[in-house]
Amino acid sequence: MSEENKTSAPATPEPSMAKASTGAPANAPAQELTVQDLGVLKTIIEVAQSRGAFKANELEAVGKTYSKLEAFLTSIQNQQVAKDPNAPAPATAPTTAPAPASEPIDPVTGEVK
């Protein structure tokens, strides 16, 4: 009896973030993340937290990330005001107040039933 090598290469290669294809043509412009997008992310974190989307053991990481994001956005806003004091403050995404917990919310539309 001969011993066979029991290790084999995986059937499909593992995806790499650096080599991930977006499916966009090579000449298409790169997608950019803007300051307004970061403001929207800040609002998403606020709404998700108020709706209880995070587990207790996740709150520290979420809070630290939120604090970093808030500090970054504040520094950008301060830089913009320093350049042009007459410029309006950057707009952020509108916040919506979450419905009280006693009212059922439709999971598909997010509307109060």
Protein backbone atom coordinates (compact mmCIF):
# COMPACT_ATOMS: atom_id res chain seq x y z
CA MET A 1 0.00 0.00 0.00
CA SER A 2 1.28 3.41 -0.81
CA GLU A 3 0.45 6.52 1.15
CA GLU A 4 -1.37 9.21 -0.76
CA ASN A 5 -1.07 12.89 -0.12
CA LYS A 6 -4.34 13.72 1.61
CA THR A 7 -3.96 17.49 1.34
CA SER A 8 -5.55 19.08 -1.65
CA ALA A 9 -5.96 22.58 -2.94
CA PRO A 10 -9.33 24.19 -2.31
CA ALA A 11 -11.80 23.80 -5.17
CA THR A 12 -12.22 27.54 -5.50
CA PRO A 13 -9.66 30.18 -4.58
CA GLU A 14 -10.51 32.42 -1.66
CA PRO A 15 -11.51 35.93 -2.69
CA SER A 16 -9.05 38.70 -1.99
CA MET A 17 -10.20 42.22 -1.17
CA ALA A 18 -7.31 43.66 -3.14
CA LYS A 19 -8.20 41.71 -6.26
CA ALA A 20 -11.98 41.89 -6.01
CA SER A 21 -13.63 42.82 -9.27
CA THR A 22 -16.46 45.32 -9.22
CA GLY A 23 -17.77 44.31 -12.61
CA ALA A 24 -17.31 47.89 -13.85
CA PRO A 25 -15.47 48.58 -17.10
CA ALA A 26 -11.79 49.38 -16.74
CA ASN A 27 -12.28 52.93 -18.01
CA ALA A 28 -15.10 53.73 -15.55
CA PRO A 29 -14.30 56.36 -12.90
CA ALA A 30 -13.53 55.08 -9.40
CA GLN A 31 -16.28 55.40 -6.81
CA GLU A 32 -15.55 57.98 -4.15
CA LEU A 33 -16.59 58.19 -0.52
CA THR A 34 -17.54 61.79 0.23
CA VAL A 35 -17.84 63.74 3.47
CA GLN A 36 -21.59 63.70 2.94
CA ASP A 37 -21.47 59.88 2.72
CA LEU A 38 -19.65 59.81 6.06
CA GLY A 39 -22.34 62.06 7.54
CA VAL A 40 -24.95 59.60 6.34
CA LEU A 41 -23.00 56.73 7.93
CA LYS A 42 -22.99 58.65 11.21
CA THR A 43 -26.77 59.00 11.01
CA ILE A 44 -27.14 55.30 10.18
CA ILE A 45 -25.17 54.38 13.30
CA GLU A 46 -27.35 56.69 15.41
CA VAL A 47 -30.59 55.23 14.06
CA ALA A 48 -29.38 51.63 14.29
CA GLN A 49 -28.31 52.15 17.90
CA SER A 50 -31.60 53.77 18.84
CA ARG A 51 -33.47 50.80 17.34
CA GLY A 52 -31.36 48.28 19.27
CA ALA A 53 -29.53 46.84 16.28
CA PHE A 54 -26.30 46.24 18.19
CA LYS A 55 -25.63 43.63 20.85
CA ALA A 56 -24.20 44.77 24.18
CA ASN A 57 -20.77 43.30 23.43
CA GLU A 58 -20.65 45.22 20.12
CA LEU A 59 -21.42 48.64 21.58
CA GLU A 60 -17.84 49.47 22.56
CA ALA A 61 -16.53 48.97 19.02
CA VAL A 62 -19.50 50.82 17.53
CA GLY A 63 -19.04 53.69 19.99
CA LYS A 64 -15.32 54.03 19.33
CA THR A 65 -15.88 54.01 15.58
CA TYR A 66 -18.70 56.54 15.92
CA SER A 67 -16.48 58.82 18.03
CA LYS A 68 -13.69 58.66 15.44
CA LEU A 69 -16.14 59.40 12.64
CA GLU A 70 -17.66 62.31 14.55
CA ALA A 71 -14.23 63.78 15.33
CA PHE A 72 -13.20 63.46 11.68
CA LEU A 73 -16.38 65.14 10.43
CA THR A 74 -15.97 67.94 12.99
CA SER A 75 -12.39 68.56 11.89
CA ILE A 76 -13.46 68.68 8.23
CA GLN A 77 -16.25 71.11 9.09
CA ASN A 78 -13.81 73.31 11.06
CA GLN A 79 -11.40 73.31 8.11
CA GLN A 80 -14.18 74.36 5.74
CA VAL A 81 -15.28 77.17 8.08
CA ALA A 82 -11.66 78.35 8.42
CA LYS A 83 -11.32 78.53 4.63
CA ASP A 84 -14.60 80.35 4.08
CA PRO A 85 -16.41 81.68 7.17
CA ASN A 86 -19.44 82.64 5.04
CA ALA A 87 -19.92 79.08 3.73
CA PRO A 88 -22.96 77.22 5.06
CA ALA A 89 -22.40 74.26 7.35
CA PRO A 90 -22.25 70.95 5.50
CA ALA A 91 -25.60 69.22 5.26
CA THR A 92 -26.04 65.86 6.88
CA ALA A 93 -28.68 63.27 6.21
CA PRO A 94 -32.03 64.04 7.76
CA THR A 95 -32.66 62.11 10.92
CA THR A 96 -35.90 60.38 11.56
CA ALA A 97 -37.13 59.75 15.04
CA PRO A 98 -37.68 56.07 15.71
CA ALA A 99 -41.22 55.03 16.51
CA PRO A 100 -41.98 54.28 20.16
CA ALA A 101 -41.41 50.65 21.06
CA SER A 102 -45.10 50.16 21.84
CA GLU A 103 -46.13 50.72 18.21
CA PRO A 104 -45.45 47.83 15.81
CA ILE A 105 -43.30 48.65 12.80
CA ASP A 106 -43.71 47.01 9.40
CA PRO A 107 -40.34 45.28 8.75
CA VAL A 108 -40.60 45.77 4.99
CA THR A 109 -41.55 49.44 4.77
CA GLY A 110 -40.40 50.63 8.20
CA GLU A 111 -43.73 52.38 8.71
CA VAL A 112 -45.70 52.31 11.93
CA LYS A 113 -48.69 49.97 11.63
